[in-house]
Protein backbone atom coordinates (compact mmCIF):
# COMPACT_ATOMS: atom_id res chain seq x y z
CA MET A 1 0.13 0.03 -0.10
CA ALA A 2 2.91 2.30 0.90
CA THR A 3 4.41 1.84 -2.61
CA LYS A 4 1.13 2.75 -4.34
CA LYS A 5 0.74 5.88 -2.49
CA LYS A 6 4.47 6.91 -3.25
CA LYS A 7 3.63 6.63 -6.95
CA PRO A 8 1.31 9.42 -7.23
CA LYS A 9 3.33 11.51 -5.18
CA LYS A 10 6.35 10.86 -7.20
CA ILE A 11 4.47 11.72 -10.53
CA LYS A 12 3.16 14.98 -8.87
CA LYS A 13 6.68 15.93 -7.79
CA LYS A 14 8.09 15.33 -11.14
CA LEU A 15 5.26 17.61 -12.80
CA LEU A 16 6.05 20.39 -10.24
CA ASP A 17 9.88 20.17 -9.78
CA LYS A 18 11.31 23.51 -10.86
CA TYR A 19 13.97 24.01 -13.48
CA ARG A 20 15.80 26.82 -14.92
CA LEU A 21 16.12 27.50 -18.46
CA LEU A 22 19.17 29.58 -19.16
CA ILE A 23 20.43 31.41 -22.50
CA LEU A 24 23.99 32.30 -22.39
CA ASN A 25 26.38 34.04 -24.57
CA GLU A 26 28.46 31.22 -26.27
CA VAL A 27 31.78 33.27 -26.02
CA THR A 28 31.54 34.95 -22.64
CA PHE A 29 29.11 32.56 -21.03
CA GLU A 30 27.22 35.72 -19.81
CA GLU A 31 23.68 34.86 -18.88
CA ARG A 32 21.20 36.63 -21.26
CA LEU A 33 17.74 35.06 -20.19
CA SER A 34 16.58 32.71 -17.72
CA PHE A 35 13.25 30.96 -17.18
CA LYS A 36 11.85 29.10 -14.33
CA LEU A 37 9.90 26.09 -15.77
CA THR A 38 8.21 22.98 -14.37
CA ARG A 39 7.35 20.17 -16.50
CA LEU A 40 3.57 21.05 -16.19
CA ASN A 41 4.05 24.62 -17.44
CA VAL A 42 5.82 23.08 -20.28
CA PHE A 43 2.93 20.70 -21.23
CA VAL A 44 0.41 23.51 -20.77
CA LEU A 45 2.31 25.92 -22.95
CA GLY A 46 2.93 23.37 -25.51
CA SER A 47 -0.76 22.52 -25.54
CA LEU A 48 -1.97 26.18 -25.95
CA VAL A 49 0.65 26.70 -28.73
CA SER A 50 -0.65 23.54 -30.57
CA ILE A 51 -4.23 24.66 -30.17
CA PHE A 52 -3.47 28.14 -31.41
CA LEU A 53 -1.64 26.96 -34.37
CA ILE A 54 -4.41 24.42 -35.19
CA ALA A 55 -7.04 27.16 -35.03
CA LEU A 56 -4.79 29.45 -37.18
CA THR A 57 -4.45 26.81 -39.88
CA TYR A 58 -8.11 26.20 -39.84
CA LEU A 59 -8.98 30.14 -40.29
CA ILE A 60 -6.59 30.20 -43.20
CA ILE A 61 -7.89 27.21 -44.81
CA ALA A 62 -11.52 28.26 -44.47
CA PHE A 63 -11.50 31.96 -45.07
CA THR A 64 -8.42 32.83 -47.30
CA PRO A 65 -7.67 31.95 -50.94
CA LEU A 66 -4.65 30.07 -49.76
CA ARG A 67 -6.69 26.90 -49.38
CA GLU A 68 -6.59 26.67 -53.30
CA TYR A 69 -2.98 25.68 -53.10
CA ILE A 70 -3.95 22.57 -50.92
CA PRO A 71 -4.40 19.44 -52.87
CA GLY A 72 -8.21 18.47 -52.78
CA TYR A 73 -9.67 22.13 -52.87
CA SER A 74 -11.05 23.70 -55.90
CA SER A 75 -10.33 27.33 -56.76
CA THR A 76 -12.64 30.11 -56.76
CA ALA A 77 -12.56 30.68 -60.37
CA LEU A 78 -13.47 27.13 -61.12
CA LYS A 79 -16.43 27.29 -58.78
CA LYS A 80 -17.52 30.65 -60.44
CA LYS A 81 -17.35 28.99 -63.90
CA ALA A 82 -19.14 25.99 -62.70
CA THR A 83 -21.87 28.11 -61.28
CA GLU A 84 -22.17 30.08 -64.51
CA LEU A 85 -22.11 26.87 -66.53
CA ASN A 86 -25.13 25.50 -64.36
CA TYR A 87 -27.17 28.72 -65.06
CA LYS A 88 -26.47 28.42 -68.71
CA THR A 89 -27.38 24.87 -68.86
CA ASP A 90 -30.60 25.52 -67.21
CA SER A 91 -31.31 28.46 -69.62
CA LEU A 92 -30.30 25.92 -72.51
CA GLN A 93 -32.68 23.41 -71.12
CA GLN A 94 -35.56 25.81 -71.06
CA VAL A 95 -34.73 27.08 -74.59
CA ILE A 96 -34.58 23.24 -75.90
CA ALA A 97 -37.90 22.71 -74.26
CA MET A 98 -39.51 25.84 -75.95
CA ASN A 99 -37.93 24.80 -79.19
CA GLU A 100 -39.34 21.26 -78.90
CA THR A 101 -42.81 22.55 -78.21
CA TYR A 102 -42.68 25.01 -81.17
CA TYR A 103 -41.26 22.19 -83.61
CA LYS A 104 -44.22 20.02 -82.40
CA SER A 105 -46.58 22.82 -83.26
CA ILE A 106 -44.98 23.17 -86.73
CA LYS A 107 -45.23 19.46 -87.16
CA LYS A 108 -48.80 19.41 -86.17
CA VAL A 109 -49.35 22.26 -88.84
CA LEU A 110 -47.73 20.22 -91.55
CA THR A 111 -49.60 17.04 -90.85
CA GLY A 112 -52.84 18.57 -90.04
CA ASP A 113 -52.90 16.29 -86.89
CA LEU A 114 -55.32 18.12 -84.54
CA SER A 115 -57.83 16.60 -82.21
CA ALA A 116 -61.28 17.83 -81.58
CA GLU A 117 -60.55 18.53 -77.91
CA ASP A 118 -57.41 20.75 -78.68
CA PHE A 119 -59.77 22.60 -81.39
CA ASN A 120 -62.26 23.23 -78.59
CA LYS A 121 -59.66 25.14 -76.57
CA ASP A 122 -58.83 27.57 -79.48
CA SER A 123 -59.43 31.02 -77.90
CA ILE A 124 -59.89 32.55 -81.31
CA ILE A 125 -62.47 30.14 -82.38
CA GLU A 126 -64.40 30.65 -79.23
CA ALA A 127 -64.08 34.41 -79.67
CA ILE A 128 -65.49 34.19 -83.33
CA LYS A 129 -68.43 32.16 -81.88
CA ILE A 130 -69.52 34.76 -79.55
CA GLU A 131 -72.84 36.42 -80.82
CA ALA A 132 -73.29 40.08 -80.61
CA SER A 133 -76.57 39.74 -78.96
CA GLU A 134 -74.72 38.18 -76.04
CA VAL A 135 -72.54 41.36 -75.58
CA ASP A 136 -74.14 44.25 -73.69
CA LEU A 137 -73.36 47.23 -75.72
CA ASN A 138 -75.30 49.64 -73.55
CA PRO A 139 -72.99 52.42 -72.27
CA SER A 140 -72.61 52.59 -68.57
CA ALA A 141 -73.04 55.98 -66.53
CA GLU A 142 -69.36 56.38 -66.40
CA ASP A 143 -69.14 55.71 -70.11
CA SER A 144 -71.65 58.36 -70.89
CA LEU A 145 -69.98 60.92 -68.80
CA LEU A 146 -66.64 60.28 -70.52
CA ARG A 147 -68.06 60.45 -73.94
CA GLU A 148 -69.69 63.86 -72.98
CA LYS A 149 -66.21 65.05 -71.76
CA VAL A 150 -64.56 63.93 -74.87
CA ASP A 151 -67.27 65.63 -77.20
CA LYS A 152 -66.50 68.82 -75.37
CA GLU A 153 -63.10 68.53 -75.85
CA ASP A 154 -63.23 67.74 -79.59
CA LYS A 155 -65.00 71.13 -80.04
CA TYR A 156 -61.62 72.69 -79.36
CA ASN A 157 -59.59 70.04 -81.25
CA LEU A 158 -57.60 71.46 -84.25
CA PHE A 159 -57.99 68.02 -85.94
CA GLU A 160 -61.48 67.21 -87.30
CA SER A 161 -60.75 63.41 -87.60
CA ALA A 162 -58.61 60.88 -86.01
CA ILE A 163 -56.49 58.25 -87.70
CA SER A 164 -57.34 54.64 -86.49
CA GLU A 165 -54.52 52.11 -86.17
CA THR A 166 -54.45 48.57 -86.44
CA ASN A 167 -52.04 45.93 -85.28
CA PHE A 168 -51.56 44.30 -88.80
CA VAL A 169 -53.29 43.78 -92.06
CA LEU A 170 -53.50 40.30 -93.75
CA PHE A 171 -52.82 40.62 -97.57
CA PRO A 172 -54.53 38.04 -99.79
CA PRO A 173 -51.83 35.64 -101.00
CA VAL A 174 -53.76 35.12 -104.32
CA ASN A 175 -57.08 36.13 -105.73
CA GLY A 176 -59.57 33.48 -107.00
CA THR A 177 -62.45 31.32 -106.23
CA ILE A 178 -62.52 29.05 -103.13
CA SER A 179 -63.05 25.53 -104.22
CA SER A 180 -62.79 24.11 -100.69
CA PRO A 181 -63.64 26.12 -97.83
CA TYR A 182 -62.18 26.01 -94.33
CA SER A 183 -64.25 23.08 -92.28
CA THR A 184 -63.50 21.71 -88.89
CA LYS A 185 -66.10 18.92 -89.54
CA ASP A 186 -63.85 17.62 -92.43
CA LYS A 187 -60.73 18.49 -90.73
CA HIS A 188 -59.73 20.73 -93.40
CA TYR A 189 -58.25 23.63 -91.69
CA ALA A 190 -57.63 25.66 -94.86
CA VAL A 191 -58.99 27.23 -97.92
CA ASP A 192 -58.13 25.96 -101.44
CA ILE A 193 -58.18 28.88 -104.05
CA VAL A 194 -58.34 28.07 -107.74
CA VAL A 195 -55.81 29.96 -109.60
CA ALA A 196 -53.90 29.62 -112.91
CA LYS A 197 -50.66 27.94 -112.91
CA ASP A 198 -47.70 30.16 -112.30
CA THR A 199 -49.74 32.59 -110.63
CA PRO A 200 -47.59 34.56 -108.10
CA VAL A 201 -48.25 33.66 -104.61
CA LYS A 202 -47.56 36.54 -102.22
CA ALA A 203 -46.81 36.85 -98.39
CA THR A 204 -49.97 37.57 -96.41
CA ALA A 205 -47.88 39.76 -94.00
CA ASP A 206 -44.32 40.74 -93.01
CA GLY A 207 -42.54 37.53 -91.55
CA ILE A 208 -39.74 35.20 -91.80
CA VAL A 209 -39.38 31.87 -93.69
CA ILE A 210 -39.26 29.09 -91.22
CA PHE A 211 -39.95 26.20 -93.78
CA SER A 212 -39.38 25.92 -97.47
CA GLU A 213 -39.02 22.35 -98.72
CA TRP A 214 -40.85 19.77 -100.91
CA THR A 215 -43.18 17.23 -99.48
CA ALA A 216 -44.48 14.07 -101.12
CA ASN A 217 -48.22 14.84 -100.10
CA THR A 218 -48.42 18.58 -100.49
CA GLY A 219 -45.67 19.30 -103.03
CA HIS A 220 -43.63 22.66 -102.60
CA VAL A 221 -44.47 23.99 -99.25
CA ILE A 222 -43.55 27.42 -97.59
CA ILE A 223 -44.31 28.56 -94.25
CA LEU A 224 -44.02 32.01 -92.76
CA GLU A 225 -43.83 33.19 -89.12
CA HIS A 226 -45.43 36.66 -88.75
CA GLY A 227 -44.85 37.06 -84.85
CA ASP A 228 -47.59 37.15 -82.03
CA GLY A 229 -47.98 33.45 -82.61
CA LEU A 230 -49.28 33.79 -86.16
CA ILE A 231 -48.14 31.44 -88.97
CA SER A 232 -49.23 31.08 -92.64
CA ILE A 233 -48.81 27.96 -94.66
CA TYR A 234 -48.86 27.71 -98.59
CA LYS A 235 -48.92 24.34 -100.14
CA HIS A 236 -49.07 22.78 -103.64
CA ASN A 237 -46.87 25.41 -104.97
CA GLY A 238 -45.25 25.08 -108.70
CA SER A 239 -42.09 26.46 -107.27
CA LEU A 240 -40.60 28.49 -104.38
CA THR A 241 -38.84 31.72 -104.57
CA LYS A 242 -37.80 31.99 -101.02
CA SER A 243 -35.65 29.86 -98.62
CA GLN A 244 -35.73 29.21 -95.08
CA GLY A 245 -34.47 32.11 -92.99
CA ASP A 246 -35.30 34.83 -95.61
CA LEU A 247 -37.30 37.97 -94.34
CA VAL A 248 -40.34 38.87 -96.42
CA LYS A 249 -42.71 41.73 -96.80
CA ALA A 250 -46.47 41.78 -97.04
CA GLY A 251 -47.41 41.30 -100.70
CA GLU A 252 -43.97 40.12 -101.69
CA VAL A 253 -43.88 36.98 -104.06
CA ILE A 254 -42.82 33.88 -102.24
CA ALA A 255 -43.68 31.08 -104.75
CA THR A 256 -45.66 30.44 -107.95
CA ALA A 257 -49.10 28.40 -107.85
CA GLY A 258 -48.91 24.92 -109.25
CA ASN A 259 -50.37 21.35 -109.00
CA THR A 260 -47.60 19.56 -107.06
CA GLY A 261 -47.94 16.70 -104.43
CA GLU A 262 -50.05 13.49 -104.45
CA LEU A 263 -53.01 15.19 -102.69
CA SER A 264 -53.38 17.99 -105.28
CA THR A 265 -56.30 17.85 -107.54
CA GLY A 266 -55.57 20.71 -109.87
CA PRO A 267 -53.71 24.20 -110.03
CA HIS A 268 -54.54 25.95 -106.72
CA LEU A 269 -53.28 27.29 -103.59
CA HIS A 270 -53.94 25.62 -100.22
CA PHE A 271 -53.60 28.35 -97.63
CA GLU A 272 -53.69 27.98 -93.99
CA LEU A 273 -53.43 30.43 -90.90
CA TRP A 274 -52.48 29.00 -87.51
CA ASN A 275 -52.25 31.03 -84.12
CA ASP A 276 -50.29 29.52 -81.27
CA GLY A 277 -50.61 26.01 -82.76
CA TYR A 278 -54.41 26.13 -83.55
CA PRO A 279 -55.93 26.80 -86.89
CA ILE A 280 -58.20 29.86 -87.84
CA ASN A 281 -60.43 30.45 -90.81
CA PRO A 282 -58.64 32.74 -93.34
CA THR A 283 -61.73 34.06 -94.67
CA ASN A 284 -62.57 35.81 -91.40
CA PHE A 285 -59.61 38.06 -92.06
CA ILE A 286 -58.92 37.91 -95.78
CA ASP A 287 -61.13 38.62 -98.84
CA PHE A 288 -59.78 36.35 -101.76
CA LYS A 289 -61.98 37.83 -104.39
C-alpha cells in the first residue's frame, strides 16, 4: 500500500519540480535570459501553442484563398465557372424545351394532326363564336360621362378627324375562287383557292420563312412566321422563290401556284392560318375575291 501511495506523489513531484532554462552567450558565457519552468508549465504551454496553431491553420484554410494551393480544394474561379455553366445549362434546357414545343406545333401544322379536344380550346375560335346579342353594348353611366367630356374637348380640337391604327393587315396571297372552304368537321383547316398555274403567291404579312421544302403529299410548301404566334402556310406550289431564314414583306412574291403533291387535284393554292398552334379560318380576315 505504501508503494502505491508513493507513485502518485512521485509523479506529482516530477510535474511540479522547478527547472531553470538559461540562455548564455557562447563566447563569454554571460547569462542573457533565464526562465523558471516546470514540466507541467511546459506541457500546458505546448498544448496552448498547438491549439493556437491548429485554429490558425483552420482559419487560413476556411477564409483565405490560400486553401486553393492545398490538394483537394477547388479554386474560386473554377467554382464561379461551374456556377455560370449551371445557369447556362438551365437556360439552354428551357430554350430546348421551348423549341421542342415549337417544332411539335410546326409538325402538327404540316401533318394537320389536330384533335377535336384541342380545337375546342382555341380562344380565337371561341371568340369568333360569340354572338353580338350576348354582348351588352349599352353604355354605363361612367361611359356616358366620359363620352360627353370627350365631345366637349373635341370642339376645341384642331383636328377634325382621328386616324385609326391596327396591329396588322393580312394581304390576300392570291385572288380567286374558293373551291374547298375551311371546315373543322372535315378537318380541312385551310381554304383552297383555284388559280392559274404559275400565278404569283404573295406573303400575307411581314415575316420570316421558317420552312421551304418539298413534301410528297403537298408538293412545294413554304411556311411564314409573322410574330404574335401567327403562322401562314402555302402548299401545292409549282415553285418556291424564298428559302428558309429569308425575311419577307407583305405582298412580296414567295412562290408560284402549281399542282404539285399527291393530294393536289389541280392548279390551286392551299392556304392555312395558325395561331399559337391552333388553326383559324382565313376568310374571317382575308377577302380572296
